[in-house]
All heavy atoms as atom14 arrays in JSON, in Angstrom:
{
  "sequence": "AQDLHDSLGHKLTAVKINFEKIKGNTVENMPEMKTIFEQTSNILDET",
  "atom14_mask": [
    [1, 1, 1, 1, 1, 0, 0, 0, 0, 0, 0, 0, 0, 0],
    [1, 1, 1, 1, 1, 1, 1, 1, 1, 0, 0, 0, 0, 0],
    [1, 1, 1, 1, 1, 1, 1, 1, 0, 0, 0, 0, 0, 0],
    [1, 1, 1, 1, 1, 1, 1, 1, 0, 0, 0, 0, 0, 0],
    [1, 1, 1, 1, 1, 1, 1, 1, 1, 1, 0, 0, 0, 0],
    [1, 1, 1, 1, 1, 1, 1, 1, 0, 0, 0, 0, 0, 0],
    [1, 1, 1, 1, 1, 1, 0, 0, 0, 0, 0, 0, 0, 0],
    [1, 1, 1, 1, 1, 1, 1, 1, 0, 0, 0, 0, 0, 0],
    [1, 1, 1, 1, 0, 0, 0, 0, 0, 0, 0, 0, 0, 0],
    [1, 1, 1, 1, 1, 1, 1, 1, 1, 1, 0, 0, 0, 0],
    [1, 1, 1, 1, 1, 1, 1, 1, 1, 0, 0, 0, 0, 0],
    [1, 1, 1, 1, 1, 1, 1, 1, 0, 0, 0, 0, 0, 0],
    [1, 1, 1, 1, 1, 1, 1, 0, 0, 0, 0, 0, 0, 0],
    [1, 1, 1, 1, 1, 0, 0, 0, 0, 0, 0, 0, 0, 0],
    [1, 1, 1, 1, 1, 1, 1, 0, 0, 0, 0, 0, 0, 0],
    [1, 1, 1, 1, 1, 1, 1, 1, 1, 0, 0, 0, 0, 0],
    [1, 1, 1, 1, 1, 1, 1, 1, 0, 0, 0, 0, 0, 0],
    [1, 1, 1, 1, 1, 1, 1, 1, 0, 0, 0, 0, 0, 0],
    [1, 1, 1, 1, 1, 1, 1, 1, 1, 1, 1, 0, 0, 0],
    [1, 1, 1, 1, 1, 1, 1, 1, 1, 0, 0, 0, 0, 0],
    [1, 1, 1, 1, 1, 1, 1, 1, 1, 0, 0, 0, 0, 0],
    [1, 1, 1, 1, 1, 1, 1, 1, 0, 0, 0, 0, 0, 0],
    [1, 1, 1, 1, 1, 1, 1, 1, 1, 0, 0, 0, 0, 0],
    [1, 1, 1, 1, 0, 0, 0, 0, 0, 0, 0, 0, 0, 0],
    [1, 1, 1, 1, 1, 1, 1, 1, 0, 0, 0, 0, 0, 0],
    [1, 1, 1, 1, 1, 1, 1, 0, 0, 0, 0, 0, 0, 0],
    [1, 1, 1, 1, 1, 1, 1, 0, 0, 0, 0, 0, 0, 0],
    [1, 1, 1, 1, 1, 1, 1, 1, 1, 0, 0, 0, 0, 0],
    [1, 1, 1, 1, 1, 1, 1, 1, 0, 0, 0, 0, 0, 0],
    [1, 1, 1, 1, 1, 1, 1, 1, 0, 0, 0, 0, 0, 0],
    [1, 1, 1, 1, 1, 1, 1, 0, 0, 0, 0, 0, 0, 0],
    [1, 1, 1, 1, 1, 1, 1, 1, 1, 0, 0, 0, 0, 0],
    [1, 1, 1, 1, 1, 1, 1, 1, 0, 0, 0, 0, 0, 0],
    [1, 1, 1, 1, 1, 1, 1, 1, 1, 0, 0, 0, 0, 0],
    [1, 1, 1, 1, 1, 1, 1, 0, 0, 0, 0, 0, 0, 0],
    [1, 1, 1, 1, 1, 1, 1, 1, 0, 0, 0, 0, 0, 0],
    [1, 1, 1, 1, 1, 1, 1, 1, 1, 1, 1, 0, 0, 0],
    [1, 1, 1, 1, 1, 1, 1, 1, 1, 0, 0, 0, 0, 0],
    [1, 1, 1, 1, 1, 1, 1, 1, 1, 0, 0, 0, 0, 0],
    [1, 1, 1, 1, 1, 1, 1, 0, 0, 0, 0, 0, 0, 0],
    [1, 1, 1, 1, 1, 1, 0, 0, 0, 0, 0, 0, 0, 0],
    [1, 1, 1, 1, 1, 1, 1, 1, 0, 0, 0, 0, 0, 0],
    [1, 1, 1, 1, 1, 1, 1, 1, 0, 0, 0, 0, 0, 0],
    [1, 1, 1, 1, 1, 1, 1, 1, 0, 0, 0, 0, 0, 0],
    [1, 1, 1, 1, 1, 1, 1, 1, 0, 0, 0, 0, 0, 0],
    [1, 1, 1, 1, 1, 1, 1, 1, 1, 0, 0, 0, 0, 0],
    [1, 1, 1, 1, 1, 1, 1, 0, 0, 0, 0, 0, 0, 0]
  ],
  "atom14_positions": [
    [[0.77, -1.2, 0.0], [-0.01, -0.05, 0.0], [0.83, 1.25, -0.06], [0.63, 2.26, -0.74], [-0.91, -0.03, 1.24], [0.0, 0.0, 0.0], [0.0, 0.0, 0.0], [0.0, 0.0, 0.0], [0.0, 0.0, 0.0], [0.0, 0.0, 0.0], [0.0, 0.0, 0.0], [0.0, 0.0, 0.0], [0.0, 0.0, 0.0], [0.0, 0.0, 0.0]],
    [[1.92, 1.23, 0.79], [2.88, 2.39, 0.87], [3.55, 2.58, -0.46], [3.68, 3.72, -0.97], [3.96, 2.08, 1.96], [4.71, 3.34, 2.37], [3.91, 4.42, 3.08], [2.94, 4.07, 3.72], [4.17, 5.68, 2.87], [0.0, 0.0, 0.0], [0.0, 0.0, 0.0], [0.0, 0.0, 0.0], [0.0, 0.0, 0.0], [0.0, 0.0, 0.0]],
    [[3.97, 1.48, -1.07], [4.68, 1.59, -2.4], [3.8, 2.12, -3.48], [4.06, 2.98, -4.3], [5.26, 0.25, -2.85], [6.43, -0.27, -2.01], [6.93, 0.62, -1.28], [6.76, -1.41, -2.11], [0.0, 0.0, 0.0], [0.0, 0.0, 0.0], [0.0, 0.0, 0.0], [0.0, 0.0, 0.0], [0.0, 0.0, 0.0], [0.0, 0.0, 0.0]],
    [[2.44, 1.64, -3.39], [1.5, 2.1, -4.39], [1.21, 3.58, -4.3], [1.19, 4.32, -5.28], [0.19, 1.31, -4.26], [0.2, -0.15, -4.75], [-1.16, -0.8, -4.38], [0.42, -0.21, -6.23], [0.0, 0.0, 0.0], [0.0, 0.0, 0.0], [0.0, 0.0, 0.0], [0.0, 0.0, 0.0], [0.0, 0.0, 0.0], [0.0, 0.0, 0.0]],
    [[1.13, 3.98, -2.98], [0.78, 5.36, -2.7], [2.0, 6.3, -2.99], [1.87, 7.37, -3.65], [0.36, 5.56, -1.26], [-0.05, 6.95, -0.91], [0.88, 7.82, -0.43], [-1.27, 7.58, -0.96], [0.27, 8.97, -0.21], [-1.02, 8.87, -0.57], [0.0, 0.0, 0.0], [0.0, 0.0, 0.0], [0.0, 0.0, 0.0], [0.0, 0.0, 0.0]],
    [[3.18, 5.92, -2.47], [4.29, 6.86, -2.54], [5.05, 6.82, -3.89], [5.4, 7.83, -4.41], [5.36, 6.45, -1.44], [4.83, 6.68, -0.04], [3.81, 7.4, 0.05], [5.43, 6.23, 0.94], [0.0, 0.0, 0.0], [0.0, 0.0, 0.0], [0.0, 0.0, 0.0], [0.0, 0.0, 0.0], [0.0, 0.0, 0.0], [0.0, 0.0, 0.0]],
    [[5.18, 5.6, -4.45], [5.88, 5.51, -5.66], [5.04, 5.68, -6.96], [5.16, 6.64, -7.63], [6.62, 4.11, -5.74], [7.37, 4.02, -6.97], [0.0, 0.0, 0.0], [0.0, 0.0, 0.0], [0.0, 0.0, 0.0], [0.0, 0.0, 0.0], [0.0, 0.0, 0.0], [0.0, 0.0, 0.0], [0.0, 0.0, 0.0], [0.0, 0.0, 0.0]],
    [[4.11, 4.69, -7.12], [3.28, 4.8, -8.32], [2.36, 6.0, -8.31], [2.07, 6.62, -9.32], [2.39, 3.51, -8.52], [3.17, 2.25, -8.85], [2.21, 1.08, -8.94], [3.82, 2.41, -10.17], [0.0, 0.0, 0.0], [0.0, 0.0, 0.0], [0.0, 0.0, 0.0], [0.0, 0.0, 0.0], [0.0, 0.0, 0.0], [0.0, 0.0, 0.0]],
    [[1.84, 6.34, -7.09], [0.98, 7.49, -7.0], [1.7, 8.8, -7.35], [1.16, 9.65, -8.2], [0.0, 0.0, 0.0], [0.0, 0.0, 0.0], [0.0, 0.0, 0.0], [0.0, 0.0, 0.0], [0.0, 0.0, 0.0], [0.0, 0.0, 0.0], [0.0, 0.0, 0.0], [0.0, 0.0, 0.0], [0.0, 0.0, 0.0], [0.0, 0.0, 0.0]],
    [[2.92, 8.97, -6.93], [3.66, 10.17, -7.3], [4.13, 10.22, -8.75], [4.01, 11.28, -9.4], [4.94, 10.28, -6.39], [4.71, 10.53, -4.98], [5.52, 10.34, -3.96], [3.49, 10.93, -4.37], [5.0, 10.6, -2.78], [3.77, 10.96, -2.96], [0.0, 0.0, 0.0], [0.0, 0.0, 0.0], [0.0, 0.0, 0.0], [0.0, 0.0, 0.0]],
    [[4.39, 9.01, -9.29], [4.71, 8.93, -10.74], [3.53, 9.32, -11.53], [3.67, 10.01, -12.63], [5.34, 7.52, -11.01], [6.71, 7.31, -10.51], [7.21, 5.96, -10.82], [8.63, 5.79, -10.24], [9.14, 4.36, -10.49], [0.0, 0.0, 0.0], [0.0, 0.0, 0.0], [0.0, 0.0, 0.0], [0.0, 0.0, 0.0], [0.0, 0.0, 0.0]],
    [[2.4, 8.78, -11.18], [1.15, 9.03, -11.98], [0.87, 10.64, -11.89], [0.45, 11.21, -12.88], [-0.08, 8.28, -11.43], [-0.19, 6.81, -11.92], [-1.27, 6.14, -11.23], [-0.44, 6.85, -13.45], [0.0, 0.0, 0.0], [0.0, 0.0, 0.0], [0.0, 0.0, 0.0], [0.0, 0.0, 0.0], [0.0, 0.0, 0.0], [0.0, 0.0, 0.0]],
    [[1.14, 11.12, -10.7], [0.9, 12.56, -10.56], [1.81, 13.38, -11.47], [1.43, 14.37, -12.19], [1.1, 13.02, -9.1], [0.23, 12.32, -8.29], [0.8, 14.48, -8.94], [0.0, 0.0, 0.0], [0.0, 0.0, 0.0], [0.0, 0.0, 0.0], [0.0, 0.0, 0.0], [0.0, 0.0, 0.0], [0.0, 0.0, 0.0], [0.0, 0.0, 0.0]],
    [[3.09, 12.93, -11.51], [4.06, 13.55, -12.38], [3.64, 13.42, -13.91], [3.76, 14.34, -14.68], [5.47, 12.97, -12.17], [0.0, 0.0, 0.0], [0.0, 0.0, 0.0], [0.0, 0.0, 0.0], [0.0, 0.0, 0.0], [0.0, 0.0, 0.0], [0.0, 0.0, 0.0], [0.0, 0.0, 0.0], [0.0, 0.0, 0.0], [0.0, 0.0, 0.0]],
    [[3.23, 12.3, -14.26], [2.79, 11.9, -15.64], [1.63, 12.93, -15.99], [1.54, 13.53, -17.07], [2.38, 10.52, -15.83], [1.67, 10.27, -17.18], [3.55, 9.6, -15.75], [0.0, 0.0, 0.0], [0.0, 0.0, 0.0], [0.0, 0.0, 0.0], [0.0, 0.0, 0.0], [0.0, 0.0, 0.0], [0.0, 0.0, 0.0], [0.0, 0.0, 0.0]],
    [[0.66, 13.03, -15.01], [-0.5, 13.84, -15.25], [-0.07, 15.36, -15.48], [-0.54, 16.01, -16.46], [-1.43, 13.8, -14.0], [-2.58, 14.74, -14.03], [-3.63, 14.34, -15.06], [-4.89, 15.28, -14.89], [-5.9, 14.98, -15.86], [0.0, 0.0, 0.0], [0.0, 0.0, 0.0], [0.0, 0.0, 0.0], [0.0, 0.0, 0.0], [0.0, 0.0, 0.0]],
    [[0.82, 15.78, -14.67], [1.28, 17.21, -14.82], [1.96, 17.48, -16.13], [1.67, 18.38, -16.93], [2.26, 17.6, -13.67], [1.54, 17.62, -12.36], [2.99, 18.94, -13.9], [2.47, 17.67, -11.16], [0.0, 0.0, 0.0], [0.0, 0.0, 0.0], [0.0, 0.0, 0.0], [0.0, 0.0, 0.0], [0.0, 0.0, 0.0], [0.0, 0.0, 0.0]],
    [[2.88, 16.46, -16.53], [3.64, 16.49, -17.83], [2.6, 16.48, -18.97], [2.72, 17.13, -19.97], [4.67, 15.49, -17.89], [5.79, 15.7, -16.98], [6.04, 16.92, -16.54], [6.49, 14.67, -16.5], [0.0, 0.0, 0.0], [0.0, 0.0, 0.0], [0.0, 0.0, 0.0], [0.0, 0.0, 0.0], [0.0, 0.0, 0.0], [0.0, 0.0, 0.0]],
    [[1.65, 15.57, -18.8], [0.67, 15.4, -19.89], [-0.17, 16.67, -20.14], [-0.48, 17.01, -21.26], [-0.26, 14.23, -19.52], [-1.32, 13.94, -20.57], [-1.0, 13.33, -21.75], [-2.6, 14.37, -20.39], [-1.97, 13.08, -22.69], [-3.58, 14.1, -21.32], [-3.26, 13.52, -22.53], [0.0, 0.0, 0.0], [0.0, 0.0, 0.0], [0.0, 0.0, 0.0]],
    [[-0.5, 17.34, -19.04], [-1.3, 18.55, -19.11], [-0.55, 19.68, -19.91], [-1.06, 20.4, -20.65], [-1.73, 18.99, -17.77], [-2.78, 18.18, -17.06], [-4.12, 18.17, -17.81], [-4.51, 19.11, -18.48], [-4.84, 17.12, -17.74], [0.0, 0.0, 0.0], [0.0, 0.0, 0.0], [0.0, 0.0, 0.0], [0.0, 0.0, 0.0], [0.0, 0.0, 0.0]],
    [[0.82, 19.63, -19.6], [1.63, 20.68, -20.37], [1.67, 20.34, -21.85], [1.52, 21.21, -22.72], [3.04, 20.62, -19.8], [3.2, 21.18, -18.41], [4.61, 21.11, -17.97], [4.75, 21.68, -16.52], [6.16, 21.68, -16.02], [0.0, 0.0, 0.0], [0.0, 0.0, 0.0], [0.0, 0.0, 0.0], [0.0, 0.0, 0.0], [0.0, 0.0, 0.0]],
    [[1.85, 19.03, -22.15], [1.89, 18.59, -23.63], [0.49, 18.88, -24.24], [0.41, 19.33, -25.39], [2.27, 17.11, -23.73], [3.63, 16.87, -23.2], [2.11, 16.61, -25.12], [4.02, 15.39, -23.02], [0.0, 0.0, 0.0], [0.0, 0.0, 0.0], [0.0, 0.0, 0.0], [0.0, 0.0, 0.0], [0.0, 0.0, 0.0], [0.0, 0.0, 0.0]],
    [[-0.53, 18.6, -23.44], [-1.95, 18.78, -23.96], [-2.1, 20.27, -24.32], [-2.69, 20.54, -25.37], [-2.93, 18.3, -22.86], [-4.34, 18.65, -23.18], [-5.22, 18.25, -22.03], [-6.72, 18.75, -22.21], [-7.5, 18.48, -21.09], [0.0, 0.0, 0.0], [0.0, 0.0, 0.0], [0.0, 0.0, 0.0], [0.0, 0.0, 0.0], [0.0, 0.0, 0.0]],
    [[-1.71, 21.13, -23.42], [-1.99, 22.57, -23.76], [-1.28, 23.02, -24.95], [-1.77, 23.76, -25.8], [0.0, 0.0, 0.0], [0.0, 0.0, 0.0], [0.0, 0.0, 0.0], [0.0, 0.0, 0.0], [0.0, 0.0, 0.0], [0.0, 0.0, 0.0], [0.0, 0.0, 0.0], [0.0, 0.0, 0.0], [0.0, 0.0, 0.0], [0.0, 0.0, 0.0]],
    [[0.03, 22.66, -25.12], [0.79, 23.07, -26.29], [0.23, 22.44, -27.58], [0.22, 23.01, -28.62], [2.28, 22.7, -26.18], [2.89, 23.43, -25.03], [2.47, 24.61, -24.71], [3.87, 22.84, -24.3], [0.0, 0.0, 0.0], [0.0, 0.0, 0.0], [0.0, 0.0, 0.0], [0.0, 0.0, 0.0], [0.0, 0.0, 0.0], [0.0, 0.0, 0.0]],
    [[-0.13, 21.12, -27.45], [-0.49, 20.4, -28.73], [-1.9, 20.84, -29.16], [-2.12, 21.0, -30.38], [-0.56, 18.89, -28.37], [0.68, 18.49, -27.83], [-0.81, 18.09, -29.63], [0.0, 0.0, 0.0], [0.0, 0.0, 0.0], [0.0, 0.0, 0.0], [0.0, 0.0, 0.0], [0.0, 0.0, 0.0], [0.0, 0.0, 0.0], [0.0, 0.0, 0.0]],
    [[-2.85, 20.95, -28.28], [-4.2, 21.36, -28.65], [-4.27, 22.76, -29.39], [-5.01, 22.9, -30.29], [-5.07, 21.36, -27.45], [-6.46, 21.98, -27.75], [-5.26, 19.93, -26.86], [0.0, 0.0, 0.0], [0.0, 0.0, 0.0], [0.0, 0.0, 0.0], [0.0, 0.0, 0.0], [0.0, 0.0, 0.0], [0.0, 0.0, 0.0], [0.0, 0.0, 0.0]],
    [[-3.32, 23.63, -29.01], [-3.31, 24.89, -29.72], [-2.91, 24.79, -31.15], [-3.45, 25.45, -32.0], [-2.27, 25.85, -29.01], [-2.81, 26.37, -27.63], [-1.74, 27.24, -27.05], [-0.72, 27.58, -27.68], [-1.95, 27.7, -25.84], [0.0, 0.0, 0.0], [0.0, 0.0, 0.0], [0.0, 0.0, 0.0], [0.0, 0.0, 0.0], [0.0, 0.0, 0.0]],
    [[-1.99, 23.88, -31.39], [-1.43, 23.67, -32.82], [-2.3, 22.63, -33.55], [-2.35, 22.55, -34.78], [-0.08, 23.19, -32.82], [0.86, 24.28, -32.13], [0.62, 25.49, -32.41], [1.83, 23.88, -31.37], [0.0, 0.0, 0.0], [0.0, 0.0, 0.0], [0.0, 0.0, 0.0], [0.0, 0.0, 0.0], [0.0, 0.0, 0.0], [0.0, 0.0, 0.0]],
    [[-2.94, 21.6, -32.76], [-3.65, 20.55, -33.48], [-4.99, 20.42, -32.74], [-5.22, 19.48, -31.9], [-2.9, 19.3, -33.33], [-1.43, 19.33, -33.99], [-0.46, 17.78, -33.69], [-1.41, 16.57, -34.59], [0.0, 0.0, 0.0], [0.0, 0.0, 0.0], [0.0, 0.0, 0.0], [0.0, 0.0, 0.0], [0.0, 0.0, 0.0], [0.0, 0.0, 0.0]],
    [[-5.96, 21.2, -33.07], [-7.28, 21.2, -32.33], [-7.93, 19.84, -32.52], [-8.76, 19.46, -31.66], [-8.06, 22.33, -33.06], [-7.05, 23.24, -33.67], [-5.88, 22.34, -34.03], [0.0, 0.0, 0.0], [0.0, 0.0, 0.0], [0.0, 0.0, 0.0], [0.0, 0.0, 0.0], [0.0, 0.0, 0.0], [0.0, 0.0, 0.0], [0.0, 0.0, 0.0]],
    [[-7.68, 19.11, -33.65], [-8.36, 17.86, -33.82], [-8.01, 16.81, -32.83], [-8.64, 15.75, -32.69], [-8.1, 17.35, -35.24], [-6.66, 16.97, -35.53], [-5.72, 18.11, -35.9], [-6.2, 19.24, -35.86], [-4.58, 17.88, -36.27], [0.0, 0.0, 0.0], [0.0, 0.0, 0.0], [0.0, 0.0, 0.0], [0.0, 0.0, 0.0], [0.0, 0.0, 0.0]],
    [[-6.92, 17.09, -32.11], [-6.43, 16.03, -31.12], [-7.03, 16.31, -29.68], [-6.75, 15.65, -28.79], [-4.95, 16.2, -30.96], [-4.11, 15.77, -32.23], [-4.33, 14.06, -32.63], [-3.39, 13.28, -31.43], [0.0, 0.0, 0.0], [0.0, 0.0, 0.0], [0.0, 0.0, 0.0], [0.0, 0.0, 0.0], [0.0, 0.0, 0.0], [0.0, 0.0, 0.0]],
    [[-7.9, 17.32, -29.55], [-8.4, 17.72, -28.3], [-9.22, 16.52, -27.62], [-9.04, 16.34, -26.41], [-9.37, 18.99, -28.46], [-9.97, 19.37, -27.11], [-10.83, 20.68, -27.37], [-11.46, 21.06, -26.02], [-12.29, 22.29, -26.21], [0.0, 0.0, 0.0], [0.0, 0.0, 0.0], [0.0, 0.0, 0.0], [0.0, 0.0, 0.0], [0.0, 0.0, 0.0]],
    [[-10.09, 15.85, -28.39], [-10.86, 14.78, -27.84], [-10.01, 13.7, -27.32], [-10.21, 13.13, -26.24], [-11.85, 14.25, -28.95], [-12.65, 15.32, -29.4], [-12.72, 13.15, -28.39], [0.0, 0.0, 0.0], [0.0, 0.0, 0.0], [0.0, 0.0, 0.0], [0.0, 0.0, 0.0], [0.0, 0.0, 0.0], [0.0, 0.0, 0.0], [0.0, 0.0, 0.0]],
    [[-9.04, 13.32, -28.06], [-8.13, 12.22, -27.66], [-7.35, 12.58, -26.36], [-7.23, 11.76, -25.42], [-7.06, 11.83, -28.76], [-7.76, 11.35, -30.0], [-6.04, 10.86, -28.34], [-6.95, 11.07, -31.21], [0.0, 0.0, 0.0], [0.0, 0.0, 0.0], [0.0, 0.0, 0.0], [0.0, 0.0, 0.0], [0.0, 0.0, 0.0], [0.0, 0.0, 0.0]],
    [[-6.91, 13.81, -26.27], [-6.18, 14.27, -25.01], [-7.11, 14.26, -23.89], [-6.67, 13.81, -22.81], [-5.6, 15.65, -25.3], [-4.27, 15.61, -25.99], [-4.1, 15.8, -27.31], [-3.18, 15.37, -25.18], [-2.81, 15.75, -27.93], [-1.87, 15.34, -25.74], [-1.67, 15.51, -27.1], [0.0, 0.0, 0.0], [0.0, 0.0, 0.0], [0.0, 0.0, 0.0]],
    [[-8.33, 14.69, -24.0], [-9.36, 14.72, -22.94], [-9.6, 13.37, -22.47], [-9.68, 13.0, -21.27], [-10.62, 15.45, -23.34], [-10.44, 16.97, -23.47], [-11.66, 17.66, -23.94], [-12.61, 16.94, -24.26], [-11.73, 18.86, -23.85], [0.0, 0.0, 0.0], [0.0, 0.0, 0.0], [0.0, 0.0, 0.0], [0.0, 0.0, 0.0], [0.0, 0.0, 0.0]],
    [[-9.83, 12.31, -23.4], [-10.03, 11.0, -22.99], [-8.88, 10.34, -22.23], [-9.02, 9.67, -21.24], [-10.36, 10.13, -24.3], [-11.67, 10.41, -24.92], [-11.85, 9.67, -26.23], [-10.94, 9.02, -26.76], [-13.05, 9.67, -26.74], [0.0, 0.0, 0.0], [0.0, 0.0, 0.0], [0.0, 0.0, 0.0], [0.0, 0.0, 0.0], [0.0, 0.0, 0.0]],
    [[-7.6, 10.67, -22.73], [-6.46, 10.18, -22.08], [-6.3, 10.71, -20.71], [-5.98, 10.12, -19.72], [-5.27, 10.48, -22.9], [-5.38, 10.02, -24.26], [-4.05, 9.87, -22.29], [0.0, 0.0, 0.0], [0.0, 0.0, 0.0], [0.0, 0.0, 0.0], [0.0, 0.0, 0.0], [0.0, 0.0, 0.0], [0.0, 0.0, 0.0], [0.0, 0.0, 0.0]],
    [[-6.61, 12.12, -20.58], [-6.59, 12.72, -19.26], [-7.6, 12.07, -18.31], [-7.25, 11.82, -17.1], [-6.88, 14.2, -19.49], [-6.88, 14.82, -18.16], [0.0, 0.0, 0.0], [0.0, 0.0, 0.0], [0.0, 0.0, 0.0], [0.0, 0.0, 0.0], [0.0, 0.0, 0.0], [0.0, 0.0, 0.0], [0.0, 0.0, 0.0], [0.0, 0.0, 0.0]],
    [[-8.78, 11.7, -18.75], [-9.77, 11.04, -17.96], [-9.29, 9.64, -17.47], [-9.47, 9.2, -16.31], [-11.08, 10.9, -18.66], [-11.79, 12.3, -18.82], [-11.53, 13.2, -18.1], [-12.65, 12.35, -19.83], [0.0, 0.0, 0.0], [0.0, 0.0, 0.0], [0.0, 0.0, 0.0], [0.0, 0.0, 0.0], [0.0, 0.0, 0.0], [0.0, 0.0, 0.0]],
    [[-8.7, 8.98, -18.45], [-8.08, 7.66, -18.1], [-7.08, 7.76, -17.0], [-7.03, 6.93, -16.03], [-7.45, 6.85, -19.29], [-8.64, 6.6, -20.29], [-6.77, 5.65, -18.98], [-8.13, 6.09, -21.64], [0.0, 0.0, 0.0], [0.0, 0.0, 0.0], [0.0, 0.0, 0.0], [0.0, 0.0, 0.0], [0.0, 0.0, 0.0], [0.0, 0.0, 0.0]],
    [[-6.16, 8.8, -17.09], [-5.16, 9.0, -16.04], [-5.82, 9.29, -14.71], [-5.38, 8.72, -13.64], [-4.23, 10.17, -16.46], [-3.11, 9.85, -17.43], [-2.45, 11.05, -17.93], [-2.14, 8.83, -16.89], [0.0, 0.0, 0.0], [0.0, 0.0, 0.0], [0.0, 0.0, 0.0], [0.0, 0.0, 0.0], [0.0, 0.0, 0.0], [0.0, 0.0, 0.0]],
    [[-6.95, 10.05, -14.68], [-7.6, 10.4, -13.42], [-8.2, 9.16, -12.81], [-8.13, 8.93, -11.62], [-8.7, 11.46, -13.71], [-8.11, 12.81, -13.96], [-6.99, 13.06, -13.59], [-8.8, 13.65, -14.57], [0.0, 0.0, 0.0], [0.0, 0.0, 0.0], [0.0, 0.0, 0.0], [0.0, 0.0, 0.0], [0.0, 0.0, 0.0], [0.0, 0.0, 0.0]],
    [[-8.91, 8.32, -13.7], [-9.46, 7.1, -13.18], [-8.46, 6.08, -12.61], [-8.71, 5.5, -11.61], [-10.35, 6.37, -14.31], [-11.59, 7.13, -14.64], [-12.58, 7.27, -13.52], [-12.64, 6.27, -12.78], [-13.2, 8.26, -13.46], [0.0, 0.0, 0.0], [0.0, 0.0, 0.0], [0.0, 0.0, 0.0], [0.0, 0.0, 0.0], [0.0, 0.0, 0.0]],
    [[-7.36, 5.95, -13.34], [-6.25, 5.14, -12.88], [-5.69, 5.56, -11.52], [-5.46, 4.76, -10.65], [-5.07, 5.14, -13.91], [-5.65, 4.76, -15.2], [-3.99, 4.15, -13.54], [0.0, 0.0, 0.0], [0.0, 0.0, 0.0], [0.0, 0.0, 0.0], [0.0, 0.0, 0.0], [0.0, 0.0, 0.0], [0.0, 0.0, 0.0], [0.0, 0.0, 0.0]]
  ]
}
């Protein structure tokens, strides 16, 4: 439980932060990718 919370939990948080940065830059240049990025963001939240 500690490993899941401290290790994987922090890594997923880092992935989420990095993904949001990529999402912001990419959606401005490629609007058609907005739906895919939102779905992926939701999957990260559920995970």
